[in-house]
């Protein structure tokens, strides 16, 4: 499935593309869609609503971003342009995601990861557990989304955004941007080596 997306920023070393919007509720899920829900990162205290999604590419996909519609583009543009996932901006607090055991980041075993609406991913997880054919179709569709240049990223059902994970399988950090103790932004950082 090939799609073309709007370019937000471009220079010699990077391209940032706007992918569209996803809806998140008060919980989100981050990680590799091949994992069961209990192995994913669950983010609480998410501001419900529409999130604008962006991908930053070089030779590889380096970052996947999602920011709540209430956060103006002028506030997040320095983050998108700089390519640094952990870039402080005056109006937002930023912190690295850690699970309840204090482990940071998320794992990847299928070469891709994303940001998912919690309820939406929970339904897919149920289908996976019971070997429902709809899960296989969903997973195959997600695994083959790509842009006109053959880079793998995209959105599905307005409830998730998924991207190749820069260096393939391994562990990657996620940074959470907060305003008034609510998560209003995500940055999956695939640029680590």
C-alpha atoms as a PDB file:
ATOM      1  CA  UNK A   1       0.000   0.000   0.000  1.00  0.00           C
ATOM      2  CA  UNK A   2       1.782   3.180  -1.140  1.00  0.00           C
ATOM      3  CA  UNK A   3       0.892   6.644   0.103  1.00  0.00           C
ATOM      4  CA  UNK A   4       2.274  10.120  -0.402  1.00  0.00           C
ATOM      5  CA  UNK A   5       2.435  12.500   2.516  1.00  0.00           C
ATOM      6  CA  UNK A   6       2.891  16.242   2.914  1.00  0.00           C
ATOM      7  CA  UNK A   7       6.497  17.384   3.451  1.00  0.00           C
ATOM      8  CA  UNK A   8       6.754  19.738   6.443  1.00  0.00           C
ATOM      9  CA  UNK A   9      10.521  20.301   6.376  1.00  0.00           C
ATOM     10  CA  UNK A  10      13.374  19.297   4.113  1.00  0.00           C
ATOM     11  CA  UNK A  11      17.116  19.908   4.045  1.00  0.00           C
ATOM     12  CA  UNK A  12      20.129  17.920   2.818  1.00  0.00           C
ATOM     13  CA  UNK A  13      20.123  15.581   5.778  1.00  0.00           C
ATOM     14  CA  UNK A  14      16.460  15.019   6.611  1.00  0.00           C
ATOM     15  CA  UNK A  15      12.854  15.126   5.487  1.00  0.00           C
ATOM     16  CA  UNK A  16       9.927  15.530   7.905  1.00  0.00           C
ATOM     17  CA  UNK A  17       6.560  14.413   6.568  1.00  0.00           C
ATOM     18  CA  UNK A  18       3.112  14.959   8.053  1.00  0.00           C
ATOM     19  CA  UNK A  19       1.236  11.660   7.925  1.00  0.00           C
ATOM     20  CA  UNK A  20      -2.201  12.731   9.149  1.00  0.00           C
ATOM     21  CA  UNK A  21      -4.146  12.301  12.386  1.00  0.00           C
ATOM     22  CA  UNK A  22      -4.916   9.506  14.798  1.00  0.00           C
ATOM     23  CA  UNK A  23      -7.393   9.463  17.691  1.00  0.00           C
ATOM     24  CA  UNK A  24      -6.086   8.522  21.122  1.00  0.00           C
ATOM     25  CA  UNK A  25      -8.051   8.034  24.315  1.00  0.00           C
ATOM     26  CA  UNK A  26      -6.666   8.562  27.844  1.00  0.00           C
ATOM     27  CA  UNK A  27      -4.246   5.632  27.362  1.00  0.00           C
ATOM     28  CA  UNK A  28      -1.909   4.892  24.484  1.00  0.00           C
ATOM     29  CA  UNK A  29       0.252   1.920  23.589  1.00  0.00           C
ATOM     30  CA  UNK A  30       3.779   2.090  22.132  1.00  0.00           C
ATOM     31  CA  UNK A  31       5.895  -0.681  20.687  1.00  0.00           C
ATOM     32  CA  UNK A  32       6.070  -3.408  18.079  1.00  0.00           C
ATOM     33  CA  UNK A  33       2.630  -4.528  16.804  1.00  0.00           C
ATOM     34  CA  UNK A  34       3.790  -8.177  16.842  1.00  0.00           C
ATOM     35  CA  UNK A  35       3.804  -8.126  20.660  1.00  0.00           C
ATOM     36  CA  UNK A  36       0.868  -8.900  22.954  1.00  0.00           C
ATOM     37  CA  UNK A  37      -0.587  -5.982  24.898  1.00  0.00           C
ATOM     38  CA  UNK A  38       1.146  -6.994  28.148  1.00  0.00           C
ATOM     39  CA  UNK A  39       4.546  -6.666  26.423  1.00  0.00           C
ATOM     40  CA  UNK A  40       3.821  -3.190  25.048  1.00  0.00           C
ATOM     41  CA  UNK A  41       4.453   0.145  26.681  1.00  0.00           C
ATOM     42  CA  UNK A  42       1.194   1.492  28.100  1.00  0.00           C
ATOM     43  CA  UNK A  43       1.111   5.255  28.555  1.00  0.00           C
ATOM     44  CA  UNK A  44      -1.432   6.637  31.032  1.00  0.00           C
ATOM     45  CA  UNK A  45      -2.679  10.211  31.460  1.00  0.00           C
ATOM     46  CA  UNK A  46      -2.817  10.896  27.735  1.00  0.00           C
ATOM     47  CA  UNK A  47      -4.867  13.901  26.659  1.00  0.00           C
ATOM     48  CA  UNK A  48      -7.700  12.382  24.590  1.00  0.00           C
ATOM     49  CA  UNK A  49      -8.213  13.683  21.088  1.00  0.00           C
ATOM     50  CA  UNK A  50      -6.613  13.971  17.680  1.00  0.00           C
ATOM     51  CA  UNK A  51      -2.840  13.663  17.312  1.00  0.00           C
ATOM     52  CA  UNK A  52      -0.937  14.953  14.297  1.00  0.00           C
ATOM     53  CA  UNK A  53       1.670  12.410  13.211  1.00  0.00           C
ATOM     54  CA  UNK A  54       5.052  13.050  11.617  1.00  0.00           C
ATOM     55  CA  UNK A  55       7.985  10.934  10.488  1.00  0.00           C
ATOM     56  CA  UNK A  56      11.583  12.114  10.149  1.00  0.00           C
ATOM     57  CA  UNK A  57      13.689  10.279   7.593  1.00  0.00           C
ATOM     58  CA  UNK A  58      17.265  10.333   6.423  1.00  0.00           C
ATOM     59  CA  UNK A  59      18.697   7.197   4.902  1.00  0.00           C
ATOM     60  CA  UNK A  60      16.691   5.406   7.594  1.00  0.00           C
ATOM     61  CA  UNK A  61      13.606   6.471   9.476  1.00  0.00           C
ATOM     62  CA  UNK A  62      14.979   8.227  12.525  1.00  0.00           C
ATOM     63  CA  UNK A  63      11.902   9.319  14.468  1.00  0.00           C
ATOM     64  CA  UNK A  64       8.150   8.947  14.666  1.00  0.00           C
ATOM     65  CA  UNK A  65       6.214  11.776  16.330  1.00  0.00           C
ATOM     66  CA  UNK A  66       2.608  12.372  17.392  1.00  0.00           C
ATOM     67  CA  UNK A  67       1.403  15.619  18.979  1.00  0.00           C
ATOM     68  CA  UNK A  68      -2.054  16.579  20.256  1.00  0.00           C
ATOM     69  CA  UNK A  69      -3.987  19.013  18.084  1.00  0.00           C
ATOM     70  CA  UNK A  70      -3.903  21.581  20.950  1.00  0.00           C
ATOM     71  CA  UNK A  71      -0.112  21.884  20.631  1.00  0.00           C
ATOM     72  CA  UNK A  72       0.590  24.505  17.935  1.00  0.00           C
ATOM     73  CA  UNK A  73       2.926  23.558  15.105  1.00  0.00           C
ATOM     74  CA  UNK A  74       5.141  26.550  15.951  1.00  0.00           C
ATOM     75  CA  UNK A  75       5.875  24.898  19.337  1.00  0.00           C
ATOM     76  CA  UNK A  76       6.765  21.495  17.922  1.00  0.00           C
ATOM     77  CA  UNK A  77       8.463  22.636  14.716  1.00  0.00           C
ATOM     78  CA  UNK A  78      11.857  23.079  16.471  1.00  0.00           C
ATOM     79  CA  UNK A  79      11.602  19.436  17.644  1.00  0.00           C
ATOM     80  CA  UNK A  80      10.717  18.170  14.168  1.00  0.00           C
ATOM     81  CA  UNK A  81      13.388  20.275  12.469  1.00  0.00           C
ATOM     82  CA  UNK A  82      16.245  19.567  14.876  1.00  0.00           C
ATOM     83  CA  UNK A  83      15.820  15.834  14.736  1.00  0.00           C
ATOM     84  CA  UNK A  84      16.480  15.539  18.453  1.00  0.00           C
ATOM     85  CA  UNK A  85      13.693  13.575  20.063  1.00  0.00           C
ATOM     86  CA  UNK A  86      14.642  14.845  23.516  1.00  0.00           C
ATOM     87  CA  UNK A  87      14.529  18.546  22.755  1.00  0.00           C
ATOM     88  CA  UNK A  88      13.033  20.764  25.446  1.00  0.00           C
ATOM     89  CA  UNK A  89      10.584  23.463  24.423  1.00  0.00           C
ATOM     90  CA  UNK A  90       9.386  26.178  26.816  1.00  0.00           C
ATOM     91  CA  UNK A  91       5.709  25.202  26.884  1.00  0.00           C
ATOM     92  CA  UNK A  92       6.168  21.420  27.317  1.00  0.00           C
ATOM     93  CA  UNK A  93       7.875  19.159  29.829  1.00  0.00           C
ATOM     94  CA  UNK A  94       9.713  16.191  28.316  1.00  0.00           C
ATOM     95  CA  UNK A  95      10.656  12.891  29.935  1.00  0.00           C
ATOM     96  CA  UNK A  96      11.802   9.469  28.824  1.00  0.00           C
ATOM     97  CA  UNK A  97       9.145   6.764  29.031  1.00  0.00           C
ATOM     98  CA  UNK A  98       9.712   4.134  31.741  1.00  0.00           C
ATOM     99  CA  UNK A  99       7.404   1.266  32.662  1.00  0.00           C
ATOM    100  CA  UNK A 100       6.239   0.493  36.215  1.00  0.00           C
ATOM    101  CA  UNK A 101       9.484  -1.451  36.836  1.00  0.00           C
ATOM    102  CA  UNK A 102      11.565   1.560  35.805  1.00  0.00           C
ATOM    103  CA  UNK A 103      12.714   0.020  32.510  1.00  0.00           C
ATOM    104  CA  UNK A 104      13.009   2.628  29.779  1.00  0.00           C
ATOM    105  CA  UNK A 105      12.202   2.291  26.111  1.00  0.00           C
ATOM    106  CA  UNK A 106      10.437  -0.438  24.177  1.00  0.00           C
ATOM    107  CA  UNK A 107      11.486  -3.514  22.249  1.00  0.00           C
ATOM    108  CA  UNK A 108      11.233  -4.293  18.554  1.00  0.00           C
ATOM    109  CA  UNK A 109      11.340  -7.751  17.009  1.00  0.00           C
ATOM    110  CA  UNK A 110       9.597  -7.246  13.644  1.00  0.00           C
ATOM    111  CA  UNK A 111      11.500  -4.184  12.476  1.00  0.00           C
ATOM    112  CA  UNK A 112       8.616  -1.789  13.147  1.00  0.00           C
ATOM    113  CA  UNK A 113       6.949   0.085  15.982  1.00  0.00           C
ATOM    114  CA  UNK A 114       4.164   2.546  16.505  1.00  0.00           C
ATOM    115  CA  UNK A 115       1.774   4.518  18.641  1.00  0.00           C
ATOM    116  CA  UNK A 116      -1.671   2.974  19.124  1.00  0.00           C
ATOM    117  CA  UNK A 117      -5.008   3.878  20.629  1.00  0.00           C
ATOM    118  CA  UNK A 118      -5.187   1.597  23.700  1.00  0.00           C
ATOM    119  CA  UNK A 119      -8.695   0.245  23.043  1.00  0.00           C
ATOM    120  CA  UNK A 120      -7.939  -0.280  19.351  1.00  0.00           C
ATOM    121  CA  UNK A 121      -4.759  -2.253  20.092  1.00  0.00           C
ATOM    122  CA  UNK A 122      -6.596  -4.223  22.774  1.00  0.00           C
ATOM    123  CA  UNK A 123      -9.117  -5.415  20.168  1.00  0.00           C
ATOM    124  CA  UNK A 124      -6.287  -6.497  17.834  1.00  0.00           C
ATOM    125  CA  UNK A 125      -4.577  -8.276  20.725  1.00  0.00           C
ATOM    126  CA  UNK A 126      -7.774 -10.225  21.419  1.00  0.00           C
ATOM    127  CA  UNK A 127      -7.937 -11.231  17.735  1.00  0.00           C
ATOM    128  CA  UNK A 128      -4.274 -12.312  17.846  1.00  0.00           C
ATOM    129  CA  UNK A 129      -4.834 -14.489  20.917  1.00  0.00           C
ATOM    130  CA  UNK A 130      -7.754 -16.289  19.296  1.00  0.00           C
ATOM    131  CA  UNK A 131      -6.043 -16.577  15.899  1.00  0.00           C
ATOM    132  CA  UNK A 132      -8.735 -14.518  14.215  1.00  0.00           C
ATOM    133  CA  UNK A 133      -8.061 -14.037  10.495  1.00  0.00           C
ATOM    134  CA  UNK A 134      -8.786 -10.309  10.861  1.00  0.00           C
ATOM    135  CA  UNK A 135      -5.629  -9.933  12.988  1.00  0.00           C
ATOM    136  CA  UNK A 136      -3.471 -11.502  10.283  1.00  0.00           C
ATOM    137  CA  UNK A 137      -4.984  -9.186   7.655  1.00  0.00           C
ATOM    138  CA  UNK A 138      -4.464  -6.137   9.898  1.00  0.00           C
ATOM    139  CA  UNK A 139      -0.867  -7.090  10.714  1.00  0.00           C
ATOM    140  CA  UNK A 140      -0.005  -7.735   7.050  1.00  0.00           C
ATOM    141  CA  UNK A 141      -1.497  -4.382   6.027  1.00  0.00           C
ATOM    142  CA  UNK A 142       0.488  -2.554   8.709  1.00  0.00           C
ATOM    143  CA  UNK A 143       3.670  -4.402   7.752  1.00  0.00           C
ATOM    144  CA  UNK A 144       3.470  -3.379   4.088  1.00  0.00           C
ATOM    145  CA  UNK A 145       2.492   0.304   4.328  1.00  0.00           C
ATOM    146  CA  UNK A 146       5.056   2.496   2.563  1.00  0.00           C
ATOM    147  CA  UNK A 147       5.567   5.837   0.883  1.00  0.00           C
ATOM    148  CA  UNK A 148       6.411   6.444  -2.771  1.00  0.00           C
ATOM    149  CA  UNK A 149      10.130   6.017  -1.954  1.00  0.00           C
ATOM    150  CA  UNK A 150       9.571   2.600  -0.391  1.00  0.00           C
ATOM    151  CA  UNK A 151      10.002   3.716   3.232  1.00  0.00           C
ATOM    152  CA  UNK A 152       7.704   1.849   5.585  1.00  0.00           C
ATOM    153  CA  UNK A 153       5.352   4.042   7.609  1.00  0.00           C
ATOM    154  CA  UNK A 154       1.704   4.912   7.718  1.00  0.00           C
ATOM    155  CA  UNK A 155      -1.528   5.030   9.655  1.00  0.00           C
ATOM    156  CA  UNK A 156      -4.393   2.612   9.993  1.00  0.00           C
ATOM    157  CA  UNK A 157      -8.066   3.169  10.825  1.00  0.00           C
ATOM    158  CA  UNK A 158      -7.253   6.596  12.318  1.00  0.00           C
ATOM    159  CA  UNK A 159      -6.172   4.761  15.491  1.00  0.00           C
ATOM    160  CA  UNK A 160      -2.464   4.004  15.018  1.00  0.00           C
ATOM    161  CA  UNK A 161       0.691   5.184  13.290  1.00  0.00           C
ATOM    162  CA  UNK A 162       3.469   2.686  12.533  1.00  0.00           C
ATOM    163  CA  UNK A 163       6.966   3.032  11.125  1.00  0.00           C
ATOM    164  CA  UNK A 164      10.059   1.009  10.353  1.00  0.00           C
ATOM    165  CA  UNK A 165      12.401   1.103  13.310  1.00  0.00           C
ATOM    166  CA  UNK A 166      15.527   2.793  11.951  1.00  0.00           C
ATOM    167  CA  UNK A 167      18.143   0.142  12.741  1.00  0.00           C
ATOM    168  CA  UNK A 168      15.715  -2.803  12.810  1.00  0.00           C
ATOM    169  CA  UNK A 169      15.203  -5.007  15.856  1.00  0.00           C
ATOM    170  CA  UNK A 170      16.386  -3.932  19.298  1.00  0.00           C
ATOM    171  CA  UNK A 171      15.437  -1.471  22.003  1.00  0.00           C
ATOM    172  CA  UNK A 172      14.535   2.178  21.444  1.00  0.00           C
ATOM    173  CA  UNK A 173      13.647   5.109  23.694  1.00  0.00           C
ATOM    174  CA  UNK A 174      10.348   6.952  23.688  1.00  0.00           C
ATOM    175  CA  UNK A 175      10.041  10.533  24.900  1.00  0.00           C
ATOM    176  CA  UNK A 176       6.789  11.909  26.266  1.00  0.00           C
ATOM    177  CA  UNK A 177       5.907  15.570  25.993  1.00  0.00           C
ATOM    178  CA  UNK A 178       3.592  16.803  28.740  1.00  0.00           C
ATOM    179  CA  UNK A 179       1.473  19.840  29.472  1.00  0.00           C
ATOM    180  CA  UNK A 180      -0.392  20.165  32.796  1.00  0.00           C
ATOM    181  CA  UNK A 181       0.571  16.566  33.721  1.00  0.00           C
ATOM    182  CA  UNK A 182      -1.056  15.139  30.589  1.00  0.00           C
ATOM    183  CA  UNK A 183       0.859  13.514  27.752  1.00  0.00           C
ATOM    184  CA  UNK A 184       0.355  15.640  24.631  1.00  0.00           C
ATOM    185  CA  UNK A 185       3.201  14.307  22.490  1.00  0.00           C
ATOM    186  CA  UNK A 186       5.248  11.212  21.705  1.00  0.00           C
ATOM    187  CA  UNK A 187       8.638  10.788  20.046  1.00  0.00           C
ATOM    188  CA  UNK A 188       9.805   7.273  19.195  1.00  0.00           C
ATOM    189  CA  UNK A 189      13.552   7.647  18.685  1.00  0.00           C
ATOM    190  CA  UNK A 190      14.947   5.199  16.110  1.00  0.00           C
ATOM    191  CA  UNK A 191      18.179   7.155  15.592  1.00  0.00           C
ATOM    192  CA  UNK A 192      20.046   5.466  18.446  1.00  0.00           C
ATOM    193  CA  UNK A 193      22.724   2.917  17.569  1.00  0.00           C
END
